[in-house]
Amino acid sequence: MSLSSRIYAELRGDRVIWMIVALLAMFSILAVYSSTGTIAYRHKGGNTEFYLLKQFILIAAGLGLTYLCYLLHYMKYSRAAPVLLAIAIPVLIYTLVFGAEYNEARRWIEVPGIPFTFQTSEFAKLALIIYVARVISSKQEYIKDMKSAFLPIIVPVLIVCGLIAPADLSSAVILFLVSILMMFMGRVAMKYILLLLFMGAVVFSFLVMLGSFFPDFVRVNTWTARVEQFREPAKETYQVKHAKIAIASGDFAGVGPGKSTLRNYLPHPYSDFIYAIICEEYGLLGGLLIVVLYTLLFLRTVSLVTRSPKTFGAMLALGVSLSLVSQAFINMAVSVNLLPVTGVTLPMVSMGGTSILFSSMSFGIVLSVSRYIEKVNERADLPDVREFA
């Protein structure tokens, strides 16, 4: 048996999602290597292979985590959910107070002894999604009850999103909306979902007021500036202009891998605006392929949800997939100027250790659910031996 045949036989679950993971990983290595030329000359004396090797190691580690999360039975995530959430909240508080500041935002903590920073919001997002899926699935018998079902969800959602928002409003809004969609799919009463929306607006208003007194703590000035720049074309930012030029330069088939010129002018072409570089080098075809991959991920997850025999598996796969796909489409929408600049990365593609590792884990969790569903369906297809007794 050939190596490819052995790998194909070993990887159970939804093989379309496995294919999506592989293609995104490939795009990540190619696009990051191409887009890090300027930063390599600025910080590494022109050694572009440094970032290629770094990205390759991160992708390899990420794929390893995908496989480990895939092997772990998804019900174990349910048991770990309260512990993960209990860790996430104090870590977010620590980040707000003592976190390392980059680009005027405190989103990271420095890992002692090694040159590595950890973006705590990525961990908190995954922890909250797993927790919400657990609560929704375990409270199905009284899911419309305020005290028993709604409060155990609303309090953690408001706390986690409220702690992420001061330094990273975009991620907090995405996580908040994903939680609401999970509640809607989990049959939580609409009046409670509307109440959560209202309370979210109250928390946001409080943060805006807090930002007027502590602008270094809550980035209200950054939020308003980005919205104003988006609303008024005359105030269009340097990065948006060059992202549009990069996309237009790509035309239908692109200028070719590694031949981007806008990577030398576009700020953060390896993270926030990596989609613009992909469009420049691979053209409309490459840009559409990325869109198709994330759309296909969502459709395959919906298929899993409809076939899942247990509520937790369905809610977990749905929540994780919604988080990945919504973040991806927001990143792409920023590059084509459909949304204000957000700072949201392209999952599994953009350069960034924490983002890649937790995106990889998210894919592994979805694949773990799909592996279980596949086993259940295989048992259902087997003939009952009692029929032949």
Protein backbone atom coordinates (compact mmCIF):
# COMPACT_ATOMS: atom_id res chain seq x y z
CA MET A 1 0.00 0.00 0.00
CA SER A 2 1.38 3.41 -0.98
CA LEU A 3 1.98 6.16 1.57
CA SER A 4 -0.91 8.26 0.19
CA SER A 5 -3.25 5.26 0.40
CA ARG A 6 -2.21 4.62 4.00
CA ILE A 7 -2.79 8.25 4.95
CA TYR A 8 -6.19 8.22 3.21
CA ALA A 9 -7.20 5.07 5.10
CA GLU A 10 -5.99 6.48 8.42
CA LEU A 11 -7.79 9.82 8.21
CA ARG A 12 -11.42 9.09 8.94
CA GLY A 13 -14.21 11.60 9.28
CA ASP A 14 -15.13 14.15 6.63
CA ARG A 15 -12.36 13.90 4.03
CA VAL A 16 -13.57 17.08 2.30
CA ILE A 17 -12.71 19.01 5.48
CA TRP A 18 -9.31 17.28 5.55
CA MET A 19 -8.80 18.51 1.99
CA ILE A 20 -9.78 22.06 3.01
CA VAL A 21 -7.25 22.01 5.86
CA ALA A 22 -4.49 20.81 3.50
CA LEU A 23 -5.22 23.45 0.84
CA LEU A 24 -5.40 26.31 3.36
CA ALA A 25 -2.11 25.16 4.90
CA MET A 26 -0.51 25.17 1.45
CA PHE A 27 -1.82 28.66 0.69
CA SER A 28 -0.53 29.83 4.07
CA ILE A 29 3.05 28.75 3.44
CA LEU A 30 3.12 30.18 -0.10
CA ALA A 31 1.40 33.49 0.73
CA VAL A 32 3.35 34.17 3.93
CA TYR A 33 6.69 33.44 2.24
CA SER A 34 5.79 35.81 -0.58
CA SER A 35 4.47 38.62 1.64
CA THR A 36 7.23 38.77 4.28
CA GLY A 37 9.97 40.21 2.05
CA THR A 38 9.77 43.72 3.51
CA ILE A 39 9.67 42.60 7.13
CA ALA A 40 12.56 40.21 6.45
CA TYR A 41 14.74 43.05 5.13
CA ARG A 42 13.68 45.24 8.04
CA HIS A 43 14.33 42.77 10.86
CA LYS A 44 16.32 39.80 9.51
CA GLY A 45 18.78 41.35 7.10
CA GLY A 46 16.86 40.12 4.07
CA ASN A 47 16.66 36.51 5.23
CA THR A 48 13.23 35.66 3.81
CA GLU A 49 13.81 31.95 4.49
CA PHE A 50 13.55 32.70 8.22
CA TYR A 51 9.81 33.45 7.92
CA LEU A 52 9.29 30.57 5.51
CA LEU A 53 10.82 28.14 8.00
CA LYS A 54 8.92 29.70 10.88
CA GLN A 55 5.61 29.43 9.05
CA PHE A 56 6.37 25.87 7.95
CA ILE A 57 7.08 24.86 11.57
CA LEU A 58 3.88 26.56 12.77
CA ILE A 59 1.79 24.89 10.07
CA ALA A 60 3.38 21.51 10.87
CA ALA A 61 2.67 22.02 14.59
CA GLY A 62 -0.86 23.16 13.74
CA LEU A 63 -1.53 20.07 11.63
CA GLY A 64 -0.20 17.96 14.49
CA LEU A 65 -2.71 19.63 16.82
CA THR A 66 -5.45 19.08 14.24
CA TYR A 67 -4.69 15.37 14.27
CA LEU A 68 -4.54 15.18 18.09
CA CYS A 69 -7.86 17.03 18.47
CA TYR A 70 -9.34 14.76 15.79
CA LEU A 71 -8.25 11.63 17.71
CA LEU A 72 -9.78 12.91 20.97
CA HIS A 73 -13.45 11.95 21.35
CA TYR A 74 -15.45 15.15 21.14
CA MET A 75 -17.40 14.46 24.36
CA LYS A 76 -14.17 15.02 26.28
CA TYR A 77 -14.34 18.66 25.21
CA SER A 78 -17.67 18.90 26.99
CA ARG A 79 -16.15 17.65 30.23
CA ALA A 80 -13.24 20.07 29.89
CA ALA A 81 -15.42 23.12 29.09
CA PRO A 82 -15.91 24.48 32.66
CA VAL A 83 -12.18 24.19 33.37
CA LEU A 84 -11.22 25.89 30.11
CA LEU A 85 -13.62 28.77 30.80
CA ALA A 86 -12.36 29.09 34.38
CA ILE A 87 -8.83 29.48 33.01
CA ALA A 88 -9.80 31.82 30.17
CA ILE A 89 -11.42 34.57 32.28
CA PRO A 90 -8.48 35.28 34.65
CA VAL A 91 -6.04 35.02 31.73
CA LEU A 92 -8.02 37.69 29.84
CA ILE A 93 -7.99 39.93 32.91
CA TYR A 94 -4.23 39.46 33.27
CA THR A 95 -3.77 40.35 29.58
CA LEU A 96 -5.75 43.57 29.94
CA VAL A 97 -3.66 44.69 32.91
CA PHE A 98 -0.20 43.26 32.28
CA GLY A 99 -0.27 42.14 28.64
CA ALA A 100 2.36 43.04 26.07
CA GLU A 101 1.34 45.99 23.89
CA TYR A 102 1.76 45.81 20.11
CA ASN A 103 0.19 48.25 17.64
CA GLU A 104 -1.41 50.11 20.57
CA ALA A 105 -3.34 47.02 21.74
CA ARG A 106 -2.85 44.66 24.67
CA ARG A 107 -3.84 41.30 23.21
CA TRP A 108 -0.79 39.21 24.03
CA ILE A 109 1.15 37.86 26.97
CA GLU A 110 4.84 37.07 26.65
CA VAL A 111 5.92 33.51 27.35
CA PRO A 112 8.90 33.62 29.75
CA GLY A 113 12.17 32.23 28.42
CA ILE A 114 11.23 32.04 24.74
CA PRO A 115 10.61 34.74 22.09
CA PHE A 116 6.95 33.86 21.75
CA THR A 117 3.76 35.80 22.49
CA PHE A 118 0.39 34.22 23.19
CA GLN A 119 -2.86 35.89 22.08
CA THR A 120 -5.20 34.97 24.92
CA SER A 121 -8.41 35.90 23.09
CA GLU A 122 -7.89 32.94 20.70
CA PHE A 123 -7.94 30.54 23.65
CA ALA A 124 -10.90 32.32 25.25
CA LYS A 125 -12.95 32.18 22.01
CA LEU A 126 -12.58 28.43 21.71
CA ALA A 127 -13.22 27.89 25.43
CA LEU A 128 -16.45 29.93 25.32
CA ILE A 129 -17.76 28.17 22.20
CA ILE A 130 -17.19 24.75 23.78
CA TYR A 131 -18.87 25.93 26.99
CA VAL A 132 -21.92 27.37 25.21
CA ALA A 133 -22.29 24.13 23.24
CA ARG A 134 -22.14 22.16 26.49
CA VAL A 135 -24.78 24.28 28.25
CA ILE A 136 -27.16 24.27 25.28
CA SER A 137 -26.92 20.49 24.90
CA SER A 138 -27.26 19.70 28.61
CA LYS A 139 -30.25 22.02 29.14
CA GLN A 140 -32.42 20.88 26.24
CA GLU A 141 -35.26 19.69 28.49
CA TYR A 142 -35.71 23.19 29.93
CA ILE A 143 -33.92 25.27 27.31
CA LYS A 144 -36.62 27.96 27.41
CA ASP A 145 -36.26 28.48 31.16
CA MET A 146 -34.64 31.76 32.23
CA LYS A 147 -32.84 30.65 35.38
CA SER A 148 -31.86 27.10 34.43
CA ALA A 149 -30.81 27.54 30.81
CA PHE A 150 -30.35 31.18 29.87
CA LEU A 151 -28.36 32.64 32.77
CA PRO A 152 -25.61 29.96 32.61
CA ILE A 153 -25.00 31.07 29.00
CA ILE A 154 -25.50 34.83 29.15
CA VAL A 155 -23.14 35.54 32.04
CA PRO A 156 -20.04 33.85 30.56
CA VAL A 157 -20.77 35.31 27.09
CA LEU A 158 -20.97 38.88 28.44
CA ILE A 159 -17.90 38.45 30.66
CA VAL A 160 -15.64 36.91 28.00
CA CYS A 161 -16.73 39.23 25.19
CA GLY A 162 -16.53 42.21 27.54
CA LEU A 163 -12.94 41.33 28.45
CA ILE A 164 -11.87 40.81 24.83
CA ALA A 165 -13.55 43.97 23.48
CA PRO A 166 -11.30 46.73 24.94
CA ALA A 167 -8.27 45.57 22.93
CA ASP A 168 -9.98 43.60 20.13
CA LEU A 169 -13.54 44.73 19.44
CA SER A 170 -13.80 42.81 16.15
CA SER A 171 -13.06 39.43 17.75
CA ALA A 172 -15.46 40.19 20.60
CA VAL A 173 -18.29 41.06 18.19
CA ILE A 174 -17.68 37.92 16.12
CA LEU A 175 -17.69 35.74 19.24
CA PHE A 176 -20.83 37.44 20.56
CA LEU A 177 -22.72 36.90 17.29
CA VAL A 178 -21.54 33.28 17.05
CA SER A 179 -22.86 32.66 20.58
CA ILE A 180 -26.22 34.16 19.61
CA LEU A 181 -26.44 32.00 16.48
CA MET A 182 -25.64 28.91 18.57
CA MET A 183 -28.42 29.86 21.00
CA PHE A 184 -30.85 30.35 18.12
CA MET A 185 -29.97 26.94 16.63
CA GLY A 186 -30.18 25.43 20.12
CA ARG A 187 -33.83 26.55 20.47
CA VAL A 188 -33.22 29.15 23.19
CA ALA A 189 -36.34 31.34 23.48
CA MET A 190 -36.21 34.36 21.17
CA LYS A 191 -37.06 36.75 24.00
CA TYR A 192 -33.88 35.70 25.79
CA ILE A 193 -31.78 36.13 22.65
CA LEU A 194 -33.17 39.64 22.24
CA LEU A 195 -32.42 40.27 25.91
CA LEU A 196 -28.82 39.18 25.36
CA LEU A 197 -28.55 41.57 22.38
CA PHE A 198 -29.82 44.39 24.58
CA MET A 199 -27.38 43.55 27.38
CA GLY A 200 -24.56 43.35 24.84
CA ALA A 201 -25.45 46.87 23.69
CA VAL A 202 -25.39 48.02 27.33
CA VAL A 203 -21.93 46.52 27.88
CA PHE A 204 -20.67 48.13 24.67
CA SER A 205 -22.05 51.53 25.75
CA PHE A 206 -20.31 51.14 29.10
CA LEU A 207 -17.01 50.37 27.34
CA VAL A 208 -17.39 53.46 25.12
CA MET A 209 -17.97 55.59 28.20
CA LEU A 210 -15.00 53.96 29.94
CA GLY A 211 -12.86 54.64 26.89
CA SER A 212 -13.51 58.36 27.11
CA PHE A 213 -11.77 58.35 30.53
CA PHE A 214 -9.17 55.64 29.84
CA PRO A 215 -8.32 55.79 26.11
CA ASP A 216 -5.23 53.61 26.60
CA PHE A 217 -7.39 50.89 28.14
CA VAL A 218 -10.36 50.91 25.72
CA ARG A 219 -9.53 51.74 22.08
CA VAL A 220 -12.62 53.86 21.38
CA ASN A 221 -10.66 56.40 19.33
CA THR A 222 -9.43 53.61 17.03
CA TRP A 223 -12.98 52.23 16.62
CA THR A 224 -14.47 55.61 15.66
CA ALA A 225 -11.57 56.52 13.35
CA ARG A 226 -11.93 53.28 11.39
CA VAL A 227 -15.69 53.70 11.00
CA GLU A 228 -15.31 57.32 9.83
CA GLN A 229 -12.61 56.32 7.32
CA PHE A 230 -14.89 53.62 5.95
CA ARG A 231 -17.92 55.90 5.66
CA GLU A 232 -16.05 58.72 3.90
CA PRO A 233 -14.09 57.66 0.78
CA ALA A 234 -12.01 60.84 1.01
CA LYS A 235 -10.57 59.51 4.30
CA GLU A 236 -9.77 56.09 2.88
CA THR A 237 -6.71 54.68 4.61
CA TYR A 238 -3.36 53.96 3.01
CA GLN A 239 -3.74 50.22 3.64
CA VAL A 240 -7.22 50.01 2.07
CA LYS A 241 -6.05 51.89 -1.05
CA HIS A 242 -3.12 49.54 -1.56
CA ALA A 243 -5.23 46.46 -0.86
CA LYS A 244 -7.58 47.53 -3.67
CA ILE A 245 -4.62 48.15 -5.98
CA ALA A 246 -3.24 44.68 -5.18
CA ILE A 247 -6.55 43.00 -5.95
CA ALA A 248 -6.99 44.98 -9.19
CA SER A 249 -3.42 44.11 -10.24
CA GLY A 250 -4.17 40.41 -9.95
CA ASP A 251 -6.80 40.52 -12.70
CA PHE A 252 -8.11 37.04 -13.61
CA ALA A 253 -5.10 34.72 -13.28
CA GLY A 254 -2.76 36.81 -11.09
CA VAL A 255 0.82 37.99 -11.55
CA GLY A 256 2.20 34.66 -10.36
CA PRO A 257 3.43 33.17 -7.04
CA GLY A 258 6.07 35.33 -5.36
CA LYS A 259 5.69 38.20 -7.85
CA SER A 260 3.60 40.59 -5.77
CA THR A 261 4.76 44.22 -5.82
CA LEU A 262 2.14 45.60 -3.42
CA ARG A 263 3.61 43.50 -0.59
CA ASN A 264 6.30 46.20 -0.40
CA TYR A 265 3.75 48.94 0.24
CA LEU A 266 0.82 47.28 2.01
CA PRO A 267 1.00 47.30 5.82
CA HIS A 268 0.68 43.82 7.34
CA PRO A 269 0.43 41.96 3.99
CA TYR A 270 1.23 38.70 5.81
CA SER A 271 -1.67 38.90 8.29
CA ASP A 272 -4.58 41.38 8.08
CA PHE A 273 -4.30 41.86 4.29
CA ILE A 274 -2.95 38.51 3.16
CA TYR A 275 -6.09 37.95 1.07
CA ALA A 276 -5.16 40.98 -1.06
CA ILE A 277 -1.73 39.42 -1.72
CA ILE A 278 -3.38 36.10 -2.66
CA CYS A 279 -5.65 37.94 -5.10
CA GLU A 280 -2.69 39.81 -6.61
CA GLU A 281 -0.57 36.70 -7.11
CA TYR A 282 -3.29 34.17 -7.97
CA GLY A 283 -5.90 36.51 -9.40
CA LEU A 284 -9.66 36.13 -9.31
CA LEU A 285 -9.24 32.36 -9.51
CA GLY A 286 -7.15 32.22 -6.33
CA GLY A 287 -9.42 34.63 -4.48
CA LEU A 288 -12.52 32.64 -5.43
CA LEU A 289 -10.83 29.39 -4.38
CA ILE A 290 -10.31 30.76 -0.86
CA VAL A 291 -13.97 31.83 -0.73
CA VAL A 292 -15.09 28.40 -1.96
CA LEU A 293 -12.96 26.58 0.63
CA TYR A 294 -14.49 28.44 3.58
CA THR A 295 -17.99 28.19 2.12
CA LEU A 296 -17.50 24.46 1.63
CA LEU A 297 -16.32 24.15 5.23
CA PHE A 298 -19.57 25.71 6.44
CA LEU A 299 -21.74 23.54 4.18
CA ARG A 300 -19.96 20.35 5.25
CA THR A 301 -20.42 21.34 8.89
CA VAL A 302 -24.14 21.94 8.35
CA SER A 303 -24.30 18.44 6.87
CA LEU A 304 -22.63 17.10 10.03
CA VAL A 305 -25.08 18.97 12.24
CA THR A 306 -28.10 17.43 10.49
CA ARG A 307 -26.63 13.93 10.93
CA SER A 308 -25.30 14.26 14.48
CA PRO A 309 -27.15 11.95 16.93
CA LYS A 310 -26.16 14.11 19.92
CA THR A 311 -26.88 17.79 20.52
CA PHE A 312 -23.43 18.61 21.89
CA GLY A 313 -21.68 17.35 18.76
CA ALA A 314 -23.98 19.39 16.55
CA MET A 315 -23.59 22.58 18.62
CA LEU A 316 -19.83 22.17 18.96
CA ALA A 317 -19.20 21.66 15.24
CA LEU A 318 -21.58 24.49 14.35
CA GLY A 319 -20.05 26.97 16.78
CA VAL A 320 -16.45 26.25 15.84
CA SER A 321 -17.23 26.35 12.12
CA LEU A 322 -19.19 29.60 12.41
CA SER A 323 -16.26 31.20 14.23
CA LEU A 324 -13.76 30.17 11.55
CA VAL A 325 -15.95 31.03 8.57
CA SER A 326 -17.23 34.37 9.89
CA GLN A 327 -13.68 35.48 10.75
CA ALA A 328 -12.50 34.46 7.28
CA PHE A 329 -15.24 36.34 5.45
CA ILE A 330 -14.74 39.45 7.59
CA ASN A 331 -11.02 39.40 6.80
CA MET A 332 -11.75 39.10 3.08
CA ALA A 333 -14.47 41.78 3.25
CA VAL A 334 -11.96 44.22 4.74
CA SER A 335 -9.51 43.58 1.89
CA VAL A 336 -12.17 44.39 -0.73
CA ASN A 337 -13.38 47.40 1.31
CA LEU A 338 -16.80 46.02 2.22
CA LEU A 339 -16.11 46.51 5.93
CA PRO A 340 -13.95 48.87 8.03
CA VAL A 341 -10.45 47.71 8.94
CA THR A 342 -10.78 45.20 11.78
CA GLY A 343 -7.40 43.58 12.38
CA VAL A 344 -8.98 40.12 12.05
CA THR A 345 -6.69 37.51 10.48
CA LEU A 346 -7.52 34.88 7.86
CA PRO A 347 -7.82 31.60 9.82
CA MET A 348 -5.19 28.97 9.01
CA VAL A 349 -3.63 31.25 6.38
CA SER A 350 -2.34 34.49 7.98
CA MET A 351 1.01 34.58 9.73
CA GLY A 352 0.63 34.37 13.50
CA GLY A 353 1.43 31.51 15.83
CA THR A 354 -1.56 31.64 18.17
CA SER A 355 -4.05 32.11 15.35
CA ILE A 356 -2.69 29.16 13.36
CA LEU A 357 -2.52 26.83 16.35
CA PHE A 358 -6.05 27.53 17.57
CA SER A 359 -7.49 27.51 14.04
CA SER A 360 -5.86 24.09 13.61
CA MET A 361 -7.38 22.90 16.87
CA SER A 362 -10.78 24.15 15.74
CA PHE A 363 -10.53 22.12 12.53
CA GLY A 364 -9.51 19.10 14.60
CA ILE A 365 -12.58 19.45 16.82
CA VAL A 366 -14.90 19.56 13.79
CA LEU A 367 -13.16 16.49 12.38
CA SER A 368 -13.53 14.70 15.72
CA VAL A 369 -17.30 15.19 15.52
CA SER A 370 -17.34 14.00 11.91
CA ARG A 371 -15.32 10.88 12.82
CA TYR A 372 -17.86 9.92 15.48
CA ILE A 373 -20.81 10.49 13.11
CA GLU A 374 -19.11 8.34 10.47
CA LYS A 375 -18.70 5.49 12.97
CA VAL A 376 -22.35 5.72 14.01
CA ASN A 377 -23.47 5.63 10.38
CA GLU A 378 -21.24 2.63 9.67
CA ARG A 379 -22.83 0.71 12.55
CA ALA A 380 -26.29 1.65 11.31
CA ASP A 381 -25.45 0.26 7.87
CA LEU A 382 -24.32 -3.11 9.25
CA PRO A 383 -26.96 -5.87 9.16
CA ASP A 384 -28.40 -6.94 12.49
CA VAL A 385 -27.02 -10.44 13.20
CA ARG A 386 -30.21 -11.29 15.06
CA GLU A 387 -32.04 -11.31 11.71
CA PHE A 388 -30.03 -14.39 10.71
CA ALA A 389 -30.25 -16.21 14.04
